[in-house]
Amino acid sequence: MADTAETVEGTETASAKPWGDDANFDAERAWNLIQGLRSDKAALTQELASVKADKAAAEKERDDAVKAADDAKKDLASDRREAILKEFDIDQDLAEEFLSGDLTLDELRRKAERLAGRKKPEPKPEEKGEEPKPAEDTKDQASDKSAAEPKLPARPKLAPTPGEGGTPEPKFDPDAIVAAVRQH
């Protein structure tokens, strides 16, 4: 019974007219309101289309500006890279091989400096236009080099495992060590 009362009330509020009684309804005023709303909708639709077109044009202009800025940045980086390569007199082929990738200018300068230091050998006297020096005693040069350089072993020493030959190293036995110390 309560459900039927709520439905009746729900239909009454849903069917309630916004102007109240039928006596208060003004058809001419309602028609003018509908016509005004239709014209407002048409004007807003045109304005929306205009705003969308302006937005698309602004986004295209922004994208073009970003692309132009990126191109200018790449050109500037390329010009700076070329200047660094010229400063250290590094060939383009060598630069492409050893100085490629996304390097900052500081990293590029540091690597170019290192590469230039390794690349430039001492020019030969003939290239300088000087006469070559007579060859000195090679034993003195060899002894100078050996004194300056640390001696490295010719071969690493292998520790053979049991069964491969040789004598295996004795196992660590702390009890034997203690017994040997007590005897002395």
C-alpha atoms as a PDB file:
ATOM      1  CA  MET A   1       0.000   0.000   0.000  1.00  0.00           C
ATOM      2  CA  ALA A   2       2.905   2.306   0.760  1.00  0.00           C
ATOM      3  CA  ASP A   3       4.404   1.494  -2.640  1.00  0.00           C
ATOM      4  CA  THR A   4       1.290   2.637  -4.468  1.00  0.00           C
ATOM      5  CA  ALA A   5       1.234   5.922  -2.570  1.00  0.00           C
ATOM      6  CA  GLU A   6       4.860   6.646  -3.493  1.00  0.00           C
ATOM      7  CA  THR A   7       4.201   5.913  -7.158  1.00  0.00           C
ATOM      8  CA  VAL A   8       1.242   8.206  -7.237  1.00  0.00           C
ATOM      9  CA  GLU A   9       3.304  10.953  -5.635  1.00  0.00           C
ATOM     10  CA  GLY A  10       6.204  10.257  -8.047  1.00  0.00           C
ATOM     11  CA  THR A  11       3.917  10.605 -11.074  1.00  0.00           C
ATOM     12  CA  GLU A  12       2.384  13.734  -9.710  1.00  0.00           C
ATOM     13  CA  THR A  13       5.779  15.415  -9.289  1.00  0.00           C
ATOM     14  CA  ALA A  14       7.005  14.089 -12.630  1.00  0.00           C
ATOM     15  CA  SER A  15       3.883  15.337 -14.445  1.00  0.00           C
ATOM     16  CA  ALA A  16       3.850  18.640 -12.602  1.00  0.00           C
ATOM     17  CA  LYS A  17       4.078  21.451 -15.100  1.00  0.00           C
ATOM     18  CA  PRO A  18       6.798  24.086 -14.682  1.00  0.00           C
ATOM     19  CA  TRP A  19       4.309  26.934 -15.220  1.00  0.00           C
ATOM     20  CA  GLY A  20       1.970  25.555 -12.570  1.00  0.00           C
ATOM     21  CA  ASP A  21      -1.685  25.650 -13.545  1.00  0.00           C
ATOM     22  CA  ASP A  22      -2.885  25.535 -17.127  1.00  0.00           C
ATOM     23  CA  ALA A  23      -4.319  28.963 -16.503  1.00  0.00           C
ATOM     24  CA  ASN A  24      -0.803  30.370 -16.061  1.00  0.00           C
ATOM     25  CA  PHE A  25       0.487  28.901 -19.382  1.00  0.00           C
ATOM     26  CA  ASP A  26       1.299  31.486 -22.030  1.00  0.00           C
ATOM     27  CA  ALA A  27       1.810  29.782 -25.411  1.00  0.00           C
ATOM     28  CA  GLU A  28       3.307  32.859 -27.091  1.00  0.00           C
ATOM     29  CA  ARG A  29       5.864  33.314 -24.329  1.00  0.00           C
ATOM     30  CA  ALA A  30       6.787  29.592 -24.485  1.00  0.00           C
ATOM     31  CA  TRP A  31       7.182  29.764 -28.294  1.00  0.00           C
ATOM     32  CA  ASN A  32       9.452  32.820 -28.018  1.00  0.00           C
ATOM     33  CA  LEU A  33      11.529  31.058 -25.405  1.00  0.00           C
ATOM     34  CA  ILE A  34      11.938  27.999 -27.663  1.00  0.00           C
ATOM     35  CA  GLN A  35      12.918  30.183 -30.631  1.00  0.00           C
ATOM     36  CA  GLY A  36      15.429  32.099 -28.479  1.00  0.00           C
ATOM     37  CA  LEU A  37      16.999  28.872 -27.239  1.00  0.00           C
ATOM     38  CA  ARG A  38      17.300  27.547 -30.811  1.00  0.00           C
ATOM     39  CA  SER A  39      19.046  30.709 -31.981  1.00  0.00           C
ATOM     40  CA  ASP A  40      21.358  30.629 -28.935  1.00  0.00           C
ATOM     41  CA  LYS A  41      22.222  27.014 -29.755  1.00  0.00           C
ATOM     42  CA  ALA A  42      23.017  27.889 -33.382  1.00  0.00           C
ATOM     43  CA  ALA A  43      25.211  30.833 -32.305  1.00  0.00           C
ATOM     44  CA  LEU A  44      27.041  28.707 -29.726  1.00  0.00           C
ATOM     45  CA  THR A  45      27.583  25.930 -32.290  1.00  0.00           C
ATOM     46  CA  GLN A  46      29.160  28.438 -34.696  1.00  0.00           C
ATOM     47  CA  GLU A  47      31.279  29.889 -31.907  1.00  0.00           C
ATOM     48  CA  LEU A  48      32.409  26.385 -30.901  1.00  0.00           C
ATOM     49  CA  ALA A  49      33.425  25.599 -34.496  1.00  0.00           C
ATOM     50  CA  SER A  50      35.356  28.884 -34.642  1.00  0.00           C
ATOM     51  CA  VAL A  51      37.142  28.148 -31.342  1.00  0.00           C
ATOM     52  CA  LYS A  52      38.031  24.628 -32.518  1.00  0.00           C
ATOM     53  CA  ALA A  53      39.481  26.036 -35.753  1.00  0.00           C
ATOM     54  CA  ASP A  54      41.477  28.641 -33.776  1.00  0.00           C
ATOM     55  CA  LYS A  55      42.734  25.941 -31.429  1.00  0.00           C
ATOM     56  CA  ALA A  56      43.832  23.706 -34.314  1.00  0.00           C
ATOM     57  CA  ALA A  57      45.623  26.651 -35.962  1.00  0.00           C
ATOM     58  CA  ALA A  58      47.345  27.558 -32.674  1.00  0.00           C
ATOM     59  CA  GLU A  59      48.442  23.932 -32.132  1.00  0.00           C
ATOM     60  CA  LYS A  60      49.832  23.765 -35.686  1.00  0.00           C
ATOM     61  CA  GLU A  61      51.663  27.062 -35.168  1.00  0.00           C
ATOM     62  CA  ARG A  62      53.061  25.788 -31.860  1.00  0.00           C
ATOM     63  CA  ASP A  63      54.195  22.507 -33.451  1.00  0.00           C
ATOM     64  CA  ASP A  64      55.868  24.423 -36.279  1.00  0.00           C
ATOM     65  CA  ALA A  65      57.614  26.693 -33.771  1.00  0.00           C
ATOM     66  CA  VAL A  66      58.798  23.696 -31.719  1.00  0.00           C
ATOM     67  CA  LYS A  67      60.083  21.995 -34.881  1.00  0.00           C
ATOM     68  CA  ALA A  68      61.872  25.179 -35.964  1.00  0.00           C
ATOM     69  CA  ALA A  69      63.430  25.523 -32.496  1.00  0.00           C
ATOM     70  CA  ASP A  70      64.579  21.883 -32.568  1.00  0.00           C
ATOM     71  CA  ASP A  71      66.059  22.359 -36.037  1.00  0.00           C
ATOM     72  CA  ALA A  72      67.838  25.513 -34.902  1.00  0.00           C
ATOM     73  CA  LYS A  73      69.157  23.707 -31.824  1.00  0.00           C
ATOM     74  CA  LYS A  74      70.436  20.832 -33.989  1.00  0.00           C
ATOM     75  CA  ASP A  75      72.073  23.285 -36.413  1.00  0.00           C
ATOM     76  CA  LEU A  76      73.734  25.128 -33.538  1.00  0.00           C
ATOM     77  CA  ALA A  77      74.948  21.853 -31.997  1.00  0.00           C
ATOM     78  CA  SER A  78      76.227  20.741 -35.398  1.00  0.00           C
ATOM     79  CA  ASP A  79      78.049  24.066 -35.869  1.00  0.00           C
ATOM     80  CA  ARG A  80      79.594  23.802 -32.400  1.00  0.00           C
ATOM     81  CA  ARG A  81      80.560  20.178 -33.072  1.00  0.00           C
ATOM     82  CA  GLU A  82      82.235  21.193 -36.338  1.00  0.00           C
ATOM     83  CA  ALA A  83      84.077  23.993 -34.535  1.00  0.00           C
ATOM     84  CA  ILE A  84      85.370  21.573 -31.883  1.00  0.00           C
ATOM     85  CA  LEU A  85      86.457  19.073 -34.542  1.00  0.00           C
ATOM     86  CA  LYS A  86      88.295  21.841 -36.415  1.00  0.00           C
ATOM     87  CA  GLU A  87      89.868  23.090 -33.194  1.00  0.00           C
ATOM     88  CA  PHE A  88      91.400  19.673 -32.505  1.00  0.00           C
ATOM     89  CA  ASP A  89      91.943  18.877 -36.203  1.00  0.00           C
ATOM     90  CA  ILE A  90      89.926  15.653 -36.180  1.00  0.00           C
ATOM     91  CA  ASP A  91      88.719  14.066 -39.435  1.00  0.00           C
ATOM     92  CA  GLN A  92      84.989  13.616 -39.954  1.00  0.00           C
ATOM     93  CA  ASP A  93      85.360   9.823 -40.383  1.00  0.00           C
ATOM     94  CA  LEU A  94      87.229   9.559 -37.107  1.00  0.00           C
ATOM     95  CA  ALA A  95      84.658  11.757 -35.383  1.00  0.00           C
ATOM     96  CA  GLU A  96      81.757   9.645 -36.640  1.00  0.00           C
ATOM     97  CA  GLU A  97      83.433   6.502 -35.374  1.00  0.00           C
ATOM     98  CA  PHE A  98      84.558   7.692 -31.938  1.00  0.00           C
ATOM     99  CA  LEU A  99      82.507  10.789 -31.155  1.00  0.00           C
ATOM    100  CA  SER A 100      79.006   9.688 -32.091  1.00  0.00           C
ATOM    101  CA  GLY A 101      75.902   9.645 -29.950  1.00  0.00           C
ATOM    102  CA  ASP A 102      74.211  12.248 -27.818  1.00  0.00           C
ATOM    103  CA  LEU A 103      77.151  14.018 -26.258  1.00  0.00           C
ATOM    104  CA  THR A 104      77.029  17.328 -24.487  1.00  0.00           C
ATOM    105  CA  LEU A 105      79.496  19.926 -25.667  1.00  0.00           C
ATOM    106  CA  ASP A 106      81.691  19.367 -22.608  1.00  0.00           C
ATOM    107  CA  GLU A 107      81.775  15.609 -23.191  1.00  0.00           C
ATOM    108  CA  LEU A 108      82.480  16.146 -26.891  1.00  0.00           C
ATOM    109  CA  ARG A 109      85.302  18.576 -26.138  1.00  0.00           C
ATOM    110  CA  ARG A 110      86.831  16.206 -23.564  1.00  0.00           C
ATOM    111  CA  LYS A 111      86.659  13.194 -25.897  1.00  0.00           C
ATOM    112  CA  ALA A 112      87.957  15.202 -28.865  1.00  0.00           C
ATOM    113  CA  GLU A 113      90.844  16.397 -26.721  1.00  0.00           C
ATOM    114  CA  ARG A 114      91.712  12.823 -25.766  1.00  0.00           C
ATOM    115  CA  LEU A 115      91.338  11.630 -29.339  1.00  0.00           C
ATOM    116  CA  ALA A 116      93.479  14.454 -30.661  1.00  0.00           C
ATOM    117  CA  GLY A 117      96.189  13.655 -28.103  1.00  0.00           C
ATOM    118  CA  ARG A 118      96.330  10.026 -29.234  1.00  0.00           C
ATOM    119  CA  LYS A 119      96.009  10.777 -32.901  1.00  0.00           C
ATOM    120  CA  LYS A 120      98.900  13.174 -33.346  1.00  0.00           C
ATOM    121  CA  PRO A 121     102.231  11.347 -33.396  1.00  0.00           C
ATOM    122  CA  GLU A 122     105.495  13.248 -33.295  1.00  0.00           C
ATOM    123  CA  PRO A 123     106.209  14.474 -36.806  1.00  0.00           C
ATOM    124  CA  LYS A 124     109.207  12.886 -38.438  1.00  0.00           C
ATOM    125  CA  PRO A 125     112.255  15.097 -38.961  1.00  0.00           C
ATOM    126  CA  GLU A 126     111.900  14.740 -42.721  1.00  0.00           C
ATOM    127  CA  GLU A 127     108.384  16.213 -42.498  1.00  0.00           C
ATOM    128  CA  LYS A 128     109.675  19.152 -40.477  1.00  0.00           C
ATOM    129  CA  GLY A 129     112.413  19.791 -43.002  1.00  0.00           C
ATOM    130  CA  GLU A 130     115.170  18.807 -40.585  1.00  0.00           C
ATOM    131  CA  GLU A 131     117.855  16.234 -41.046  1.00  0.00           C
ATOM    132  CA  PRO A 132     117.289  12.927 -39.260  1.00  0.00           C
ATOM    133  CA  LYS A 133     119.372  12.316 -36.156  1.00  0.00           C
ATOM    134  CA  PRO A 134     121.939   9.536 -36.323  1.00  0.00           C
ATOM    135  CA  ALA A 135     120.845   6.311 -34.647  1.00  0.00           C
ATOM    136  CA  GLU A 136     122.143   5.978 -31.106  1.00  0.00           C
ATOM    137  CA  ASP A 137     123.111   2.786 -29.363  1.00  0.00           C
ATOM    138  CA  THR A 138     119.975   0.653 -29.114  1.00  0.00           C
ATOM    139  CA  LYS A 139     121.177  -1.061 -25.923  1.00  0.00           C
ATOM    140  CA  ASP A 140     121.110   2.258 -24.070  1.00  0.00           C
ATOM    141  CA  GLN A 141     117.592   2.935 -25.297  1.00  0.00           C
ATOM    142  CA  ALA A 142     116.463  -0.552 -24.323  1.00  0.00           C
ATOM    143  CA  SER A 143     117.950  -0.234 -20.835  1.00  0.00           C
ATOM    144  CA  ASP A 144     116.312   3.190 -20.405  1.00  0.00           C
ATOM    145  CA  LYS A 145     112.954   1.742 -21.387  1.00  0.00           C
ATOM    146  CA  SER A 146     113.301  -1.281 -19.145  1.00  0.00           C
ATOM    147  CA  ALA A 147     114.273   0.889 -16.177  1.00  0.00           C
ATOM    148  CA  ALA A 148     111.219   3.074 -16.681  1.00  0.00           C
ATOM    149  CA  GLU A 149     108.707   0.259 -17.273  1.00  0.00           C
ATOM    150  CA  PRO A 150     107.855  -2.291 -14.584  1.00  0.00           C
ATOM    151  CA  LYS A 151     108.807  -5.861 -15.415  1.00  0.00           C
ATOM    152  CA  LEU A 152     105.928  -8.157 -16.092  1.00  0.00           C
ATOM    153  CA  PRO A 153     106.168 -11.940 -15.837  1.00  0.00           C
ATOM    154  CA  ALA A 154     106.419 -13.682 -19.175  1.00  0.00           C
ATOM    155  CA  ARG A 155     103.829 -16.314 -18.311  1.00  0.00           C
ATOM    156  CA  PRO A 156     101.347 -16.747 -15.538  1.00  0.00           C
ATOM    157  CA  LYS A 157     102.179 -19.578 -13.185  1.00  0.00           C
ATOM    158  CA  LEU A 158      99.637 -22.338 -13.078  1.00  0.00           C
ATOM    159  CA  ALA A 159      98.659 -24.087  -9.908  1.00  0.00           C
ATOM    160  CA  PRO A 160      98.177 -27.726 -10.985  1.00  0.00           C
ATOM    161  CA  THR A 161      95.334 -29.656  -9.504  1.00  0.00           C
ATOM    162  CA  PRO A 162      95.848 -33.183  -8.167  1.00  0.00           C
ATOM    163  CA  GLY A 163      96.012 -35.689 -10.978  1.00  0.00           C
ATOM    164  CA  GLU A 164      97.547 -33.250 -13.469  1.00  0.00           C
ATOM    165  CA  GLY A 165     101.082 -33.738 -12.258  1.00  0.00           C
ATOM    166  CA  GLY A 166     103.211 -31.813  -9.852  1.00  0.00           C
ATOM    167  CA  THR A 167     102.851 -31.881  -6.134  1.00  0.00           C
ATOM    168  CA  PRO A 168      99.675 -30.557  -4.630  1.00  0.00           C
ATOM    169  CA  GLU A 169      99.933 -27.892  -1.972  1.00  0.00           C
ATOM    170  CA  PRO A 170      99.669 -29.234   1.583  1.00  0.00           C
ATOM    171  CA  LYS A 171      96.307 -28.829   3.214  1.00  0.00           C
ATOM    172  CA  PHE A 172      95.930 -26.326   6.006  1.00  0.00           C
ATOM    173  CA  ASP A 173      96.007 -28.178   9.322  1.00  0.00           C
ATOM    174  CA  PRO A 174      95.863 -25.909  12.383  1.00  0.00           C
ATOM    175  CA  ASP A 175      96.465 -28.848  14.777  1.00  0.00           C
ATOM    176  CA  ALA A 176      99.768 -29.659  13.041  1.00  0.00           C
ATOM    177  CA  ILE A 177     100.834 -26.020  13.334  1.00  0.00           C
ATOM    178  CA  VAL A 178     100.050 -25.936  17.073  1.00  0.00           C
ATOM    179  CA  ALA A 179     101.955 -29.205  17.608  1.00  0.00           C
ATOM    180  CA  ALA A 180     104.997 -27.847  15.731  1.00  0.00           C
ATOM    181  CA  VAL A 181     105.008 -24.665  17.791  1.00  0.00           C
ATOM    182  CA  ARG A 182     104.807 -26.582  21.084  1.00  0.00           C
ATOM    183  CA  GLN A 183     107.784 -28.741  20.112  1.00  0.00           C
ATOM    184  CA  HIS A 184     110.073 -25.745  19.630  1.00  0.00           C
END
